[in-house]
Amino acid sequence: QINWVLSAGEGGGYSSYARAFAPFFEKAIPGNPNIVIQNMPGAGGIRAMMFLANVAPKDGTTIGMVHSSVPFAPL
């Protein structure tokens, strides 16, 4: 199983993209893992980015997709 963390709420563009691409990722990744999409809105995407940086396991079982401006927020 792979958790896919999104920085947007359910029903938006990012969620639609993730739901469209998840079946292709499941087929392309060796072992055909299930992709579980986890929406994590809040603080303009920073909540998801902080989760990915500080809490999520670093073993490849969690991937993320954040808004394009989020990495530059600290600047």
Protein backbone atom coordinates (compact mmCIF):
# COMPACT_ATOMS: atom_id res chain seq x y z
CA GLN A 1 0.00 0.00 0.00
CA ILE A 2 1.19 3.50 -0.84
CA ASN A 3 -0.36 6.57 0.76
CA TRP A 4 -0.65 9.56 -1.55
CA VAL A 5 -0.98 12.78 0.45
CA LEU A 6 -2.59 15.75 -1.28
CA SER A 7 -2.44 19.33 -0.03
CA ALA A 8 -5.95 20.07 -1.29
CA GLY A 9 -9.44 19.17 -0.24
CA GLU A 10 -11.56 16.48 -1.77
CA GLY A 11 -13.33 17.35 -5.01
CA GLY A 12 -10.76 19.84 -6.30
CA GLY A 13 -8.37 19.64 -9.21
CA TYR A 14 -5.54 17.94 -7.33
CA SER A 15 -7.92 15.30 -6.02
CA SER A 16 -9.27 14.70 -9.52
CA TYR A 17 -5.75 14.31 -10.92
CA ALA A 18 -4.79 11.87 -8.18
CA ARG A 19 -7.88 9.74 -8.69
CA ALA A 20 -7.27 9.68 -12.44
CA PHE A 21 -3.59 8.69 -12.17
CA ALA A 22 -3.75 6.28 -9.20
CA PRO A 23 -4.81 3.25 -11.29
CA PHE A 24 -1.87 3.83 -13.65
CA PHE A 25 0.57 4.10 -10.73
CA GLU A 26 -0.81 0.88 -9.25
CA LYS A 27 -0.06 -0.95 -12.50
CA ALA A 28 3.35 0.68 -13.08
CA ILE A 29 4.86 0.18 -9.61
CA PRO A 30 6.34 -3.28 -9.02
CA GLY A 31 4.11 -5.39 -6.79
CA ASN A 32 1.01 -3.47 -7.87
CA PRO A 33 0.40 -1.76 -4.51
CA ASN A 34 -2.91 -0.14 -3.66
CA ILE A 35 -2.77 3.66 -3.81
CA VAL A 36 -4.66 5.28 -0.94
CA ILE A 37 -5.37 8.95 -1.55
CA GLN A 38 -5.33 11.08 1.60
CA ASN A 39 -6.54 14.67 1.34
CA MET A 40 -4.87 16.96 3.86
CA PRO A 41 -6.02 20.56 3.29
CA GLY A 42 -4.98 23.33 5.61
CA ALA A 43 -2.74 26.39 5.79
CA GLY A 44 -2.64 26.71 2.02
CA GLY A 45 -0.92 23.34 1.60
CA ILE A 46 1.70 23.80 4.31
CA ARG A 47 -0.03 21.28 6.59
CA ALA A 48 0.52 18.48 4.05
CA MET A 49 4.09 19.55 3.38
CA MET A 50 4.94 19.58 7.09
CA PHE A 51 3.37 16.12 7.44
CA LEU A 52 5.48 14.80 4.57
CA ALA A 53 8.65 16.37 5.95
CA ASN A 54 8.25 15.53 9.64
CA VAL A 55 5.79 12.68 10.19
CA ALA A 56 5.43 10.51 7.09
CA PRO A 57 7.62 7.42 6.86
CA LYS A 58 10.67 7.86 4.66
CA ASP A 59 10.53 4.34 3.24
CA GLY A 60 8.69 5.06 -0.02
CA THR A 61 5.26 4.09 1.25
CA THR A 62 4.10 7.72 1.28
CA ILE A 63 4.22 10.14 -1.62
CA GLY A 64 2.85 13.65 -1.82
CA MET A 65 1.51 16.26 -4.16
CA VAL A 66 1.43 19.83 -2.85
CA HIS A 67 0.48 23.15 -4.43
CA SER A 68 3.24 24.62 -6.58
CA SER A 69 3.74 27.62 -4.29
CA VAL A 70 4.04 25.66 -1.02
CA PRO A 71 7.80 24.91 -1.20
CA PHE A 72 8.47 28.65 -1.47
CA ALA A 73 6.23 29.67 1.46
CA PRO A 74 9.11 29.83 3.98
CA LEU A 75 10.95 32.28 1.76
